């Protein structure tokens, strides 16, 4: 039993393993995999649909908080970047300290 496990350990330092071979190779997978599922009497796995923000958070970001109606997206404005916010905050703190000690 251990010999079977050891046979999977690469012997050479620069050994390159083949990940997919045969019906799982990229070239053959599209045509051969449905046949494999038919022979094994299995259903092909269904790709899950990607979730959007509203489904993930269980809240609709376009729902108006006042009337409950549906809002439409008009535009997006980018704010300051993280390092710009930190620099602005440090400058504000310096200015407050300067004003406090100048009195």
Protein backbone atom coordinates (compact mmCIF):
# COMPACT_ATOMS: atom_id res chain seq x y z
CA UNK A 1 0.00 0.00 0.00
CA UNK A 2 2.79 2.42 0.88
CA UNK A 3 4.53 1.63 -2.42
CA UNK A 4 1.47 2.89 -4.29
CA UNK A 5 1.55 6.14 -2.33
CA UNK A 6 5.30 6.60 -2.74
CA UNK A 7 4.99 6.16 -6.50
CA UNK A 8 3.17 9.52 -6.63
CA UNK A 9 6.07 11.40 -5.02
CA UNK A 10 8.27 12.98 -7.70
CA UNK A 11 11.78 11.50 -7.71
CA UNK A 12 13.59 14.27 -9.57
CA UNK A 13 13.97 17.83 -8.38
CA UNK A 14 12.70 19.39 -11.62
CA UNK A 15 9.90 16.87 -12.14
CA UNK A 16 6.86 18.33 -13.91
CA UNK A 17 3.56 16.63 -13.15
CA UNK A 18 0.76 16.49 -15.69
CA UNK A 19 -2.38 17.80 -14.09
CA UNK A 20 -5.04 16.73 -16.58
CA UNK A 21 -4.56 13.83 -18.95
CA UNK A 22 -6.96 11.87 -21.15
CA UNK A 23 -10.60 12.90 -21.06
CA UNK A 24 -9.83 15.65 -18.51
CA UNK A 25 -7.32 17.42 -20.77
CA UNK A 26 -8.39 20.88 -21.90
CA UNK A 27 -8.66 19.82 -25.52
CA UNK A 28 -10.90 16.79 -24.88
CA UNK A 29 -12.89 17.85 -21.83
CA UNK A 30 -15.70 19.59 -23.70
CA UNK A 31 -16.49 16.66 -25.93
CA UNK A 32 -15.64 13.67 -23.71
CA UNK A 33 -16.96 14.73 -20.31
CA UNK A 34 -20.67 14.62 -21.30
CA UNK A 35 -20.10 11.05 -22.53
CA UNK A 36 -18.53 10.13 -19.19
CA UNK A 37 -21.55 11.51 -17.33
CA UNK A 38 -23.88 9.49 -19.60
CA UNK A 39 -21.92 6.27 -19.06
CA UNK A 40 -21.94 6.76 -15.28
CA UNK A 41 -25.65 7.74 -15.25
CA UNK A 42 -24.84 11.05 -13.58
CA UNK A 43 -26.16 14.52 -14.24
CA UNK A 44 -23.73 17.21 -15.30
CA UNK A 45 -23.10 19.69 -12.49
CA UNK A 46 -24.87 22.99 -12.97
CA UNK A 47 -22.75 26.13 -12.74
CA UNK A 48 -24.15 28.34 -9.97
CA UNK A 49 -25.22 31.80 -11.06
CA UNK A 50 -23.04 34.53 -9.58
CA UNK A 51 -24.79 36.53 -6.87
CA UNK A 52 -25.23 40.26 -7.16
CA UNK A 53 -24.94 42.72 -4.28
CA UNK A 54 -28.64 42.67 -3.42
CA UNK A 55 -28.74 38.87 -3.20
CA UNK A 56 -25.54 38.66 -1.14
CA UNK A 57 -26.47 41.33 1.40
CA UNK A 58 -30.23 40.61 1.38
CA UNK A 59 -30.90 44.30 0.81
CA UNK A 60 -31.69 46.24 -2.36
CA UNK A 61 -29.32 49.22 -2.70
CA UNK A 62 -31.68 50.85 -5.22
CA UNK A 63 -34.69 50.88 -2.88
CA UNK A 64 -35.51 54.40 -1.67
CA UNK A 65 -35.46 54.66 2.13
CA UNK A 66 -38.19 57.32 2.09
CA UNK A 67 -40.87 56.09 -0.32
CA UNK A 68 -39.77 52.50 -1.00
CA UNK A 69 -39.66 53.13 -4.76
CA UNK A 70 -36.91 52.01 -7.07
CA UNK A 71 -34.08 54.50 -7.65
CA UNK A 72 -31.97 54.50 -10.80
CA UNK A 73 -28.18 54.78 -10.88
CA UNK A 74 -27.11 58.13 -12.34
CA UNK A 75 -23.39 58.48 -11.65
CA UNK A 76 -20.59 57.59 -9.29
CA UNK A 77 -18.04 60.00 -7.89
CA UNK A 78 -14.78 58.74 -6.51
CA UNK A 79 -13.58 60.13 -3.21
CA UNK A 80 -10.09 60.50 -1.89
CA UNK A 81 -7.74 57.54 -1.81
CA UNK A 82 -6.62 56.00 1.48
CA UNK A 83 -3.24 57.72 1.66
CA UNK A 84 -4.87 61.06 0.76
CA UNK A 85 -7.39 60.66 3.59
CA UNK A 86 -4.60 59.91 6.07
CA UNK A 87 -2.59 62.94 4.92
CA UNK A 88 -5.67 65.18 5.16
CA UNK A 89 -6.46 63.90 8.66
CA UNK A 90 -2.87 64.44 9.83
CA UNK A 91 -2.90 67.98 8.46
CA UNK A 92 -6.17 68.70 10.27
CA UNK A 93 -4.77 67.37 13.55
CA UNK A 94 -1.61 69.49 13.15
CA UNK A 95 -3.72 72.58 12.47
CA UNK A 96 -5.90 71.96 15.55
CA UNK A 97 -2.83 71.50 17.76
CA UNK A 98 -1.26 74.67 16.36
CA UNK A 99 -4.41 76.67 17.08
CA UNK A 100 -4.76 75.20 20.57
CA UNK A 101 -1.21 76.04 21.64
CA UNK A 102 -1.10 79.45 19.97
CA UNK A 103 -3.71 80.85 22.36
